[in-house]
Amino acid sequence: MKNLSSLLEKFKKSLGKDVLNKEFIVLCIENFCHFTLDPKEIGIKENVLEISSTPAKNNTIKLKEEAILDRINSERNLGITKIFYK
């Protein structure tokens, strides 16, 4: 039973960290691009930030991509190397 509790605690911490990272990324994008994204539009896989949004928002983010990545990696050290737009 203790093993199950510790396993569930690990998942809880991992999921919480993912939510916090997504919220931080949303705030960074909002600061640079002056619009908000839903955290559901963001995914992080293998050091790649995936954004599923409208073409207009994706293009605006693309224009500020370097500054956004610099801020994300300097403040959270997530190691994100590029942004993939869906």
PDB file of N, CA and C in Angstrom:
ATOM      1  N   MET A   1       0.820  -1.200   0.000  1.00  0.00           N
ATOM      2  CA  MET A   1       0.000   0.000   0.000  1.00  0.00           C
ATOM      3  C   MET A   1       0.865   1.266   0.000  1.00  0.00           C
ATOM      4  N   LYS A   2       1.983   1.210   0.729  1.00  0.00           N
ATOM      5  CA  LYS A   2       2.877   2.366   0.769  1.00  0.00           C
ATOM      6  C   LYS A   2       3.504   2.614  -0.593  1.00  0.00           C
ATOM      7  N   ASN A   3       3.800   1.529  -1.319  1.00  0.00           N
ATOM      8  CA  ASN A   3       4.374   1.686  -2.654  1.00  0.00           C
ATOM      9  C   ASN A   3       3.400   2.399  -3.583  1.00  0.00           C
ATOM     10  N   LEU A   4       2.131   2.048  -3.482  1.00  0.00           N
ATOM     11  CA  LEU A   4       1.108   2.687  -4.307  1.00  0.00           C
ATOM     12  C   LEU A   4       0.990   4.166  -3.955  1.00  0.00           C
ATOM     13  N   SER A   5       1.028   4.475  -2.678  1.00  0.00           N
ATOM     14  CA  SER A   5       0.935   5.874  -2.243  1.00  0.00           C
ATOM     15  C   SER A   5       2.117   6.689  -2.752  1.00  0.00           C
ATOM     16  N   SER A   6       3.311   6.119  -2.673  1.00  0.00           N
ATOM     17  CA  SER A   6       4.484   6.858  -3.152  1.00  0.00           C
ATOM     18  C   SER A   6       4.444   7.025  -4.664  1.00  0.00           C
ATOM     19  N   LEU A   7       3.942   6.022  -5.378  1.00  0.00           N
ATOM     20  CA  LEU A   7       3.809   6.123  -6.829  1.00  0.00           C
ATOM     21  C   LEU A   7       2.809   7.213  -7.204  1.00  0.00           C
ATOM     22  N   LEU A   8       1.679   7.251  -6.525  1.00  0.00           N
ATOM     23  CA  LEU A   8       0.674   8.282  -6.791  1.00  0.00           C
ATOM     24  C   LEU A   8       1.214   9.672  -6.459  1.00  0.00           C
ATOM     25  N   GLU A   9       2.005   9.775  -5.419  1.00  0.00           N
ATOM     26  CA  GLU A   9       2.601  11.065  -5.049  1.00  0.00           C
ATOM     27  C   GLU A   9       3.562  11.551  -6.133  1.00  0.00           C
ATOM     28  N   LYS A  10       4.325  10.634  -6.727  1.00  0.00           N
ATOM     29  CA  LYS A  10       5.233  11.001  -7.819  1.00  0.00           C
ATOM     30  C   LYS A  10       4.455  11.529  -9.015  1.00  0.00           C
ATOM     31  N   PHE A  11       3.346  10.859  -9.363  1.00  0.00           N
ATOM     32  CA  PHE A  11       2.529  11.324 -10.480  1.00  0.00           C
ATOM     33  C   PHE A  11       1.932  12.695 -10.189  1.00  0.00           C
ATOM     34  N   LYS A  12       1.503  12.900  -8.962  1.00  0.00           N
ATOM     35  CA  LYS A  12       0.916  14.180  -8.577  1.00  0.00           C
ATOM     36  C   LYS A  12       1.931  15.308  -8.733  1.00  0.00           C
ATOM     37  N   LYS A  13       3.159  15.083  -8.285  1.00  0.00           N
ATOM     38  CA  LYS A  13       4.205  16.099  -8.407  1.00  0.00           C
ATOM     39  C   LYS A  13       4.544  16.364  -9.865  1.00  0.00           C
ATOM     40  N   SER A  14       4.621  15.305 -10.650  1.00  0.00           N
ATOM     41  CA  SER A  14       4.956  15.446 -12.070  1.00  0.00           C
ATOM     42  C   SER A  14       3.874  16.220 -12.811  1.00  0.00           C
ATOM     43  N   LEU A  15       2.622  15.891 -12.563  1.00  0.00           N
ATOM     44  CA  LEU A  15       1.519  16.584 -13.230  1.00  0.00           C
ATOM     45  C   LEU A  15       1.437  18.035 -12.791  1.00  0.00           C
ATOM     46  N   GLY A  16       1.690  18.307 -11.534  1.00  0.00           N
ATOM     47  CA  GLY A  16       1.661  19.679 -11.040  1.00  0.00           C
ATOM     48  C   GLY A  16       2.738  20.535 -11.677  1.00  0.00           C
ATOM     49  N   LYS A  17       3.917  19.961 -11.865  1.00  0.00           N
ATOM     50  CA  LYS A  17       5.023  20.685 -12.487  1.00  0.00           C
ATOM     51  C   LYS A  17       4.686  21.017 -13.935  1.00  0.00           C
ATOM     52  N   ASP A  18       4.049  20.083 -14.634  1.00  0.00           N
ATOM     53  CA  ASP A  18       3.667  20.306 -16.029  1.00  0.00           C
ATOM     54  C   ASP A  18       2.669  21.457 -16.141  1.00  0.00           C
ATOM     55  N   VAL A  19       1.707  21.496 -15.251  1.00  0.00           N
ATOM     56  CA  VAL A  19       0.706  22.567 -15.263  1.00  0.00           C
ATOM     57  C   VAL A  19       1.369  23.915 -14.986  1.00  0.00           C
ATOM     58  N   LEU A  20       2.277  23.955 -14.026  1.00  0.00           N
ATOM     59  CA  LEU A  20       2.970  25.208 -13.705  1.00  0.00           C
ATOM     60  C   LEU A  20       3.823  25.684 -14.875  1.00  0.00           C
ATOM     61  N   ASN A  21       4.492  24.760 -15.545  1.00  0.00           N
ATOM     62  CA  ASN A  21       5.306  25.139 -16.703  1.00  0.00           C
ATOM     63  C   ASN A  21       4.440  25.687 -17.826  1.00  0.00           C
ATOM     64  N   LYS A  22       3.302  25.065 -18.072  1.00  0.00           N
ATOM     65  CA  LYS A  22       2.402  25.551 -19.122  1.00  0.00           C
ATOM     66  C   LYS A  22       1.871  26.938 -18.786  1.00  0.00           C
ATOM     67  N   GLU A  23       1.506  27.158 -17.528  1.00  0.00           N
ATOM     68  CA  GLU A  23       1.014  28.476 -17.126  1.00  0.00           C
ATOM     69  C   GLU A  23       2.103  29.537 -17.278  1.00  0.00           C
ATOM     70  N   PHE A  24       3.340  29.183 -16.958  1.00  0.00           N
ATOM     71  CA  PHE A  24       4.449  30.119 -17.128  1.00  0.00           C
ATOM     72  C   PHE A  24       4.650  30.455 -18.603  1.00  0.00           C
ATOM     73  N   ILE A  25       4.570  29.452 -19.469  1.00  0.00           N
ATOM     74  CA  ILE A  25       4.725  29.674 -20.912  1.00  0.00           C
ATOM     75  C   ILE A  25       3.612  30.568 -21.432  1.00  0.00           C
ATOM     76  N   VAL A  26       2.384  30.337 -20.972  1.00  0.00           N
ATOM     77  CA  VAL A  26       1.257  31.188 -21.374  1.00  0.00           C
ATOM     78  C   VAL A  26       1.525  32.635 -20.968  1.00  0.00           C
ATOM     79  N   LEU A  27       2.041  32.856 -19.763  1.00  0.00           N
ATOM     80  CA  LEU A  27       2.348  34.217 -19.306  1.00  0.00           C
ATOM     81  C   LEU A  27       3.457  34.857 -20.138  1.00  0.00           C
ATOM     82  N   CYS A  28       4.475  34.081 -20.489  1.00  0.00           N
ATOM     83  CA  CYS A  28       5.556  34.616 -21.338  1.00  0.00           C
ATOM     84  C   CYS A  28       5.014  35.050 -22.689  1.00  0.00           C
ATOM     85  N   ILE A  29       4.191  34.211 -23.288  1.00  0.00           N
ATOM     86  CA  ILE A  29       3.613  34.543 -24.592  1.00  0.00           C
ATOM     87  C   ILE A  29       2.721  35.771 -24.470  1.00  0.00           C
ATOM     88  N   GLU A  30       1.958  35.847 -23.387  1.00  0.00           N
ATOM     89  CA  GLU A  30       1.093  37.013 -23.174  1.00  0.00           C
ATOM     90  C   GLU A  30       1.920  38.292 -23.042  1.00  0.00           C
ATOM     91  N   ASN A  31       3.046  38.225 -22.346  1.00  0.00           N
ATOM     92  CA  ASN A  31       3.903  39.408 -22.177  1.00  0.00           C
ATOM     93  C   ASN A  31       4.489  39.888 -23.493  1.00  0.00           C
ATOM     94  N   PHE A  32       4.892  38.972 -24.346  1.00  0.00           N
ATOM     95  CA  PHE A  32       5.527  39.357 -25.606  1.00  0.00           C
ATOM     96  C   PHE A  32       4.523  39.645 -26.719  1.00  0.00           C
ATOM     97  N   CYS A  33       3.415  38.912 -26.743  1.00  0.00           N
ATOM     98  CA  CYS A  33       2.496  38.990 -27.894  1.00  0.00           C
ATOM     99  C   CYS A  33       1.185  39.706 -27.590  1.00  0.00           C
ATOM    100  N   HIS A  34       0.898  39.982 -26.340  1.00  0.00           N
ATOM    101  CA  HIS A  34      -0.292  40.734 -25.928  1.00  0.00           C
ATOM    102  C   HIS A  34      -1.603  40.024 -26.261  1.00  0.00           C
ATOM    103  N   PHE A  35      -1.610  38.700 -26.175  1.00  0.00           N
ATOM    104  CA  PHE A  35      -2.834  37.901 -26.214  1.00  0.00           C
ATOM    105  C   PHE A  35      -2.596  36.657 -25.368  1.00  0.00           C
ATOM    106  N   THR A  36      -3.674  35.986 -25.014  1.00  0.00           N
ATOM    107  CA  THR A  36      -3.538  34.807 -24.163  1.00  0.00           C
ATOM    108  C   THR A  36      -3.801  33.536 -24.958  1.00  0.00           C
ATOM    109  N   LEU A  37      -3.170  32.483 -24.507  1.00  0.00           N
ATOM    110  CA  LEU A  37      -3.423  31.144 -25.017  1.00  0.00           C
ATOM    111  C   LEU A  37      -4.015  30.319 -23.891  1.00  0.00           C
ATOM    112  N   ASP A  38      -4.781  29.331 -24.253  1.00  0.00           N
ATOM    113  CA  ASP A  38      -5.279  28.363 -23.290  1.00  0.00           C
ATOM    114  C   ASP A  38      -4.160  27.347 -23.051  1.00  0.00           C
ATOM    115  N   PRO A  39      -3.883  26.974 -21.805  1.00  0.00           N
ATOM    116  CA  PRO A  39      -2.849  25.960 -21.569  1.00  0.00           C
ATOM    117  C   PRO A  39      -3.100  24.650 -22.318  1.00  0.00           C
ATOM    118  N   LYS A  40      -4.336  24.401 -22.710  1.00  0.00           N
ATOM    119  CA  LYS A  40      -4.641  23.193 -23.491  1.00  0.00           C
ATOM    120  C   LYS A  40      -4.055  23.273 -24.897  1.00  0.00           C
ATOM    121  N   GLU A  41      -3.713  24.485 -25.343  1.00  0.00           N
ATOM    122  CA  GLU A  41      -3.136  24.674 -26.674  1.00  0.00           C
ATOM    123  C   GLU A  41      -1.621  24.456 -26.682  1.00  0.00           C
ATOM    124  N   ILE A  42      -1.059  24.119 -25.519  1.00  0.00           N
ATOM    125  CA  ILE A  42       0.388  23.990 -25.379  1.00  0.00           C
ATOM    126  C   ILE A  42       0.744  22.577 -24.949  1.00  0.00           C
ATOM    127  N   GLY A  43       1.800  22.051 -25.549  1.00  0.00           N
ATOM    128  CA  GLY A  43       2.356  20.765 -25.147  1.00  0.00           C
ATOM    129  C   GLY A  43       3.870  20.841 -25.172  1.00  0.00           C
ATOM    130  N   ILE A  44       4.502  20.056 -24.322  1.00  0.00           N
ATOM    131  CA  ILE A  44       5.965  20.007 -24.294  1.00  0.00           C
ATOM    132  C   ILE A  44       6.375  18.546 -24.447  1.00  0.00           C
ATOM    133  N   LYS A  45       7.106  18.260 -25.519  1.00  0.00           N
ATOM    134  CA  LYS A  45       7.580  16.902 -25.771  1.00  0.00           C
ATOM    135  C   LYS A  45       9.018  16.961 -26.256  1.00  0.00           C
ATOM    136  N   GLU A  46       9.898  16.262 -25.562  1.00  0.00           N
ATOM    137  CA  GLU A  46      11.292  16.127 -25.974  1.00  0.00           C
ATOM    138  C   GLU A  46      11.937  17.475 -26.309  1.00  0.00           C
ATOM    139  N   ASN A  47      11.813  18.420 -25.401  1.00  0.00           N
ATOM    140  CA  ASN A  47      12.407  19.762 -25.541  1.00  0.00           C
ATOM    141  C   ASN A  47      11.849  20.570 -26.707  1.00  0.00           C
ATOM    142  N   VAL A  48      10.657  20.230 -27.149  1.00  0.00           N
ATOM    143  CA  VAL A  48       9.981  20.979 -28.209  1.00  0.00           C
ATOM    144  C   VAL A  48       8.649  21.467 -27.652  1.00  0.00           C
ATOM    145  N   LEU A  49       8.411  22.758 -27.781  1.00  0.00           N
ATOM    146  CA  LEU A  49       7.144  23.355 -27.375  1.00  0.00           C
ATOM    147  C   LEU A  49       6.186  23.270 -28.549  1.00  0.00           C
ATOM    148  N   GLU A  50       5.051  22.607 -28.363  1.00  0.00           N
ATOM    149  CA  GLU A  50       4.052  22.467 -29.417  1.00  0.00           C
ATOM    150  C   GLU A  50       2.887  23.400 -29.121  1.00  0.00           C
ATOM    151  N   ILE A  51       2.534  24.220 -30.097  1.00  0.00           N
ATOM    152  CA  ILE A  51       1.439  25.170 -29.935  1.00  0.00           C
ATOM    153  C   ILE A  51       0.387  24.889 -30.993  1.00  0.00           C
ATOM    154  N   SER A  52      -0.843  24.664 -30.541  1.00  0.00           N
ATOM    155  CA  SER A  52      -1.980  24.444 -31.437  1.00  0.00           C
ATOM    156  C   SER A  52      -2.924  25.624 -31.281  1.00  0.00           C
ATOM    157  N   SER A  53      -2.786  26.606 -32.139  1.00  0.00           N
ATOM    158  CA  SER A  53      -3.600  27.807 -32.034  1.00  0.00           C
ATOM    159  C   SER A  53      -3.986  28.278 -33.428  1.00  0.00           C
ATOM    160  N   THR A  54      -4.557  29.463 -33.491  1.00  0.00           N
ATOM    161  CA  THR A  54      -4.967  30.011 -34.783  1.00  0.00           C
ATOM    162  C   THR A  54      -3.732  30.440 -35.576  1.00  0.00           C
ATOM    163  N   PRO A  55      -3.837  30.479 -36.893  1.00  0.00           N
ATOM    164  CA  PRO A  55      -2.694  30.916 -37.705  1.00  0.00           C
ATOM    165  C   PRO A  55      -2.201  32.319 -37.345  1.00  0.00           C
ATOM    166  N   ALA A  56      -3.104  33.218 -37.026  1.00  0.00           N
ATOM    167  CA  ALA A  56      -2.693  34.585 -36.668  1.00  0.00           C
ATOM    168  C   ALA A  56      -1.859  34.587 -35.389  1.00  0.00           C
ATOM    169  N   LYS A  57      -2.310  33.844 -34.385  1.00  0.00           N
ATOM    170  CA  LYS A  57      -1.548  33.769 -33.136  1.00  0.00           C
ATOM    171  C   LYS A  57      -0.212  33.062 -33.356  1.00  0.00           C
ATOM    172  N   ASN A  58      -0.232  31.977 -34.130  1.00  0.00           N
ATOM    173  CA  ASN A  58       1.016  31.258 -34.408  1.00  0.00           C
ATOM    174  C   ASN A  58       2.040  32.160 -35.097  1.00  0.00           C
ATOM    175  N   ASN A  59       1.593  32.964 -36.057  1.00  0.00           N
ATOM    176  CA  ASN A  59       2.508  33.869 -36.763  1.00  0.00           C
ATOM    177  C   ASN A  59       3.078  34.937 -35.834  1.00  0.00           C
ATOM    178  N   THR A  60       2.248  35.451 -34.949  1.00  0.00           N
ATOM    179  CA  THR A  60       2.724  36.456 -33.995  1.00  0.00           C
ATOM    180  C   THR A  60       3.759  35.855 -33.053  1.00  0.00           C
ATOM    181  N   ILE A  61       3.495  34.642 -32.591  1.00  0.00           N
ATOM    182  CA  ILE A  61       4.454  33.963 -31.718  1.00  0.00           C
ATOM    183  C   ILE A  61       5.753  33.699 -32.472  1.00  0.00           C
ATOM    184  N   LYS A  62       5.643  33.309 -33.739  1.00  0.00           N
ATOM    185  CA  LYS A  62       6.829  33.025 -34.557  1.00  0.00           C
ATOM    186  C   LYS A  62       7.726  34.263 -34.661  1.00  0.00           C
ATOM    187  N   LEU A  63       7.128  35.435 -34.782  1.00  0.00           N
ATOM    188  CA  LEU A  63       7.909  36.670 -34.874  1.00  0.00           C
ATOM    189  C   LEU A  63       8.693  36.955 -33.591  1.00  0.00           C
ATOM    190  N   LYS A  64       8.166  36.519 -32.455  1.00  0.00           N
ATOM    191  CA  LYS A  64       8.803  36.775 -31.156  1.00  0.00           C
ATOM    192  C   LYS A  64       9.434  35.509 -30.571  1.00  0.00           C
ATOM    193  N   GLU A  65       9.565  34.482 -31.391  1.00  0.00           N
ATOM    194  CA  GLU A  65       9.986  33.158 -30.918  1.00  0.00           C
ATOM    195  C   GLU A  65      11.307  33.176 -30.148  1.00  0.00           C
ATOM    196  N   GLU A  66      12.298  33.846 -30.663  1.00  0.00           N
ATOM    197  CA  GLU A  66      13.617  33.843 -30.021  1.00  0.00           C
ATOM    198  C   GLU A  66      13.555  34.455 -28.625  1.00  0.00           C
ATOM    199  N   ALA A  67      12.873  35.572 -28.485  1.00  0.00           N
ATOM    200  CA  ALA A  67      12.760  36.226 -27.175  1.00  0.00           C
ATOM    201  C   ALA A  67      11.960  35.367 -26.201  1.00  0.00           C
ATOM    202  N   ILE A  68      10.896  34.730 -26.695  1.00  0.00           N
ATOM    203  CA  ILE A  68      10.073  33.868 -25.840  1.00  0.00           C
ATOM    204  C   ILE A  68      10.897  32.686 -25.343  1.00  0.00           C
ATOM    205  N   LEU A  69      11.626  32.034 -26.243  1.00  0.00           N
ATOM    206  CA  LEU A  69      12.453  30.889 -25.847  1.00  0.00           C
ATOM    207  C   LEU A  69      13.543  31.303 -24.860  1.00  0.00           C
ATOM    208  N   ASP A  70      14.148  32.458 -25.084  1.00  0.00           N
ATOM    209  CA  ASP A  70      15.172  32.945 -24.157  1.00  0.00           C
ATOM    210  C   ASP A  70      14.597  33.134 -22.759  1.00  0.00           C
ATOM    211  N   ARG A  71      13.432  33.739 -22.673  1.00  0.00           N
ATOM    212  CA  ARG A  71      12.801  33.975 -21.366  1.00  0.00           C
ATOM    213  C   ARG A  71      12.440  32.656 -20.689  1.00  0.00           C
ATOM    214  N   ILE A  72      11.824  31.745 -21.438  1.00  0.00           N
ATOM    215  CA  ILE A  72      11.413  30.459 -20.862  1.00  0.00           C
ATOM    216  C   ILE A  72      12.625  29.697 -20.333  1.00  0.00           C
ATOM    217  N   ASN A  73      13.672  29.626 -21.123  1.00  0.00           N
ATOM    218  CA  ASN A  73      14.840  28.836 -20.725  1.00  0.00           C
ATOM    219  C   ASN A  73      15.686  29.515 -19.658  1.00  0.00           C
ATOM    220  N   SER A  74      15.689  30.837 -19.617  1.00  0.00           N
ATOM    221  CA  SER A  74      16.481  31.515 -18.589  1.00  0.00           C
ATOM    222  C   SER A  74      15.785  31.486 -17.232  1.00  0.00           C
ATOM    223  N   GLU A  75      14.465  31.560 -17.224  1.00  0.00           N
ATOM    224  CA  GLU A  75      13.753  31.616 -15.947  1.00  0.00           C
ATOM    225  C   GLU A  75      13.337  30.249 -15.422  1.00  0.00           C
ATOM    226  N   ARG A  76      13.055  29.299 -16.298  1.00  0.00           N
ATOM    227  CA  ARG A  76      12.608  27.976 -15.862  1.00  0.00           C
ATOM    228  C   ARG A  76      13.569  26.852 -16.222  1.00  0.00           C
ATOM    229  N   ASN A  77      14.550  27.131 -17.062  1.00  0.00           N
ATOM    230  CA  ASN A  77      15.536  26.132 -17.472  1.00  0.00           C
ATOM    231  C   ASN A  77      14.864  24.852 -17.976  1.00  0.00           C
ATOM    232  N   LEU A  78      13.905  25.001 -18.881  1.00  0.00           N
ATOM    233  CA  LEU A  78      13.178  23.855 -19.421  1.00  0.00           C
ATOM    234  C   LEU A  78      13.918  23.185 -20.571  1.00  0.00           C
ATOM    235  N   GLY A  79      14.904  23.843 -21.122  1.00  0.00           N
ATOM    236  CA  GLY A  79      15.676  23.247 -22.206  1.00  0.00           C
ATOM    237  C   GLY A  79      14.923  23.148 -23.517  1.00  0.00           C
ATOM    238  N   ILE A  80      13.950  24.021 -23.724  1.00  0.00           N
ATOM    239  CA  ILE A  80      13.174  23.998 -24.963  1.00  0.00           C
ATOM    240  C   ILE A  80      14.041  24.565 -26.082  1.00  0.00           C
ATOM    241  N   THR A  81      14.164  23.801 -27.164  1.00  0.00           N
ATOM    242  CA  THR A  81      15.053  24.197 -28.254  1.00  0.00           C
ATOM    243  C   THR A  81      14.322  24.823 -29.428  1.00  0.00           C
ATOM    244  N   LYS A  82      13.046  24.474 -29.610  1.00  0.00           N
ATOM    245  CA  LYS A  82      12.292  25.065 -30.715  1.00  0.00           C
ATOM    246  C   LYS A  82      10.802  24.999 -30.431  1.00  0.00           C
ATOM    247  N   ILE A  83      10.044  25.717 -31.265  1.00  0.00           N
ATOM    248  CA  ILE A  83       8.587  25.728 -31.163  1.00  0.00           C
ATOM    249  C   ILE A  83       8.025  25.126 -32.437  1.00  0.00           C
ATOM    250  N   PHE A  84       7.105  24.186 -32.268  1.00  0.00           N
ATOM    251  CA  PHE A  84       6.422  23.549 -33.387  1.00  0.00           C
ATOM    252  C   PHE A  84       4.978  24.037 -33.394  1.00  0.00           C
ATOM    253  N   TYR A  85       4.527  24.516 -34.544  1.00  0.00           N
ATOM    254  CA  TYR A  85       3.175  25.073 -34.664  1.00  0.00           C
ATOM    255  C   TYR A  85       2.280  24.080 -35.391  1.00  0.00           C
ATOM    256  N   LYS A  86       1.111  23.823 -34.815  1.00  0.00           N
ATOM    257  CA  LYS A  86       0.144  22.902 -35.435  1.00  0.00           C
ATOM    258  C   LYS A  86      -1.005  23.668 -36.024  1.00  0.00           C
TER     259      LYS A  86
END
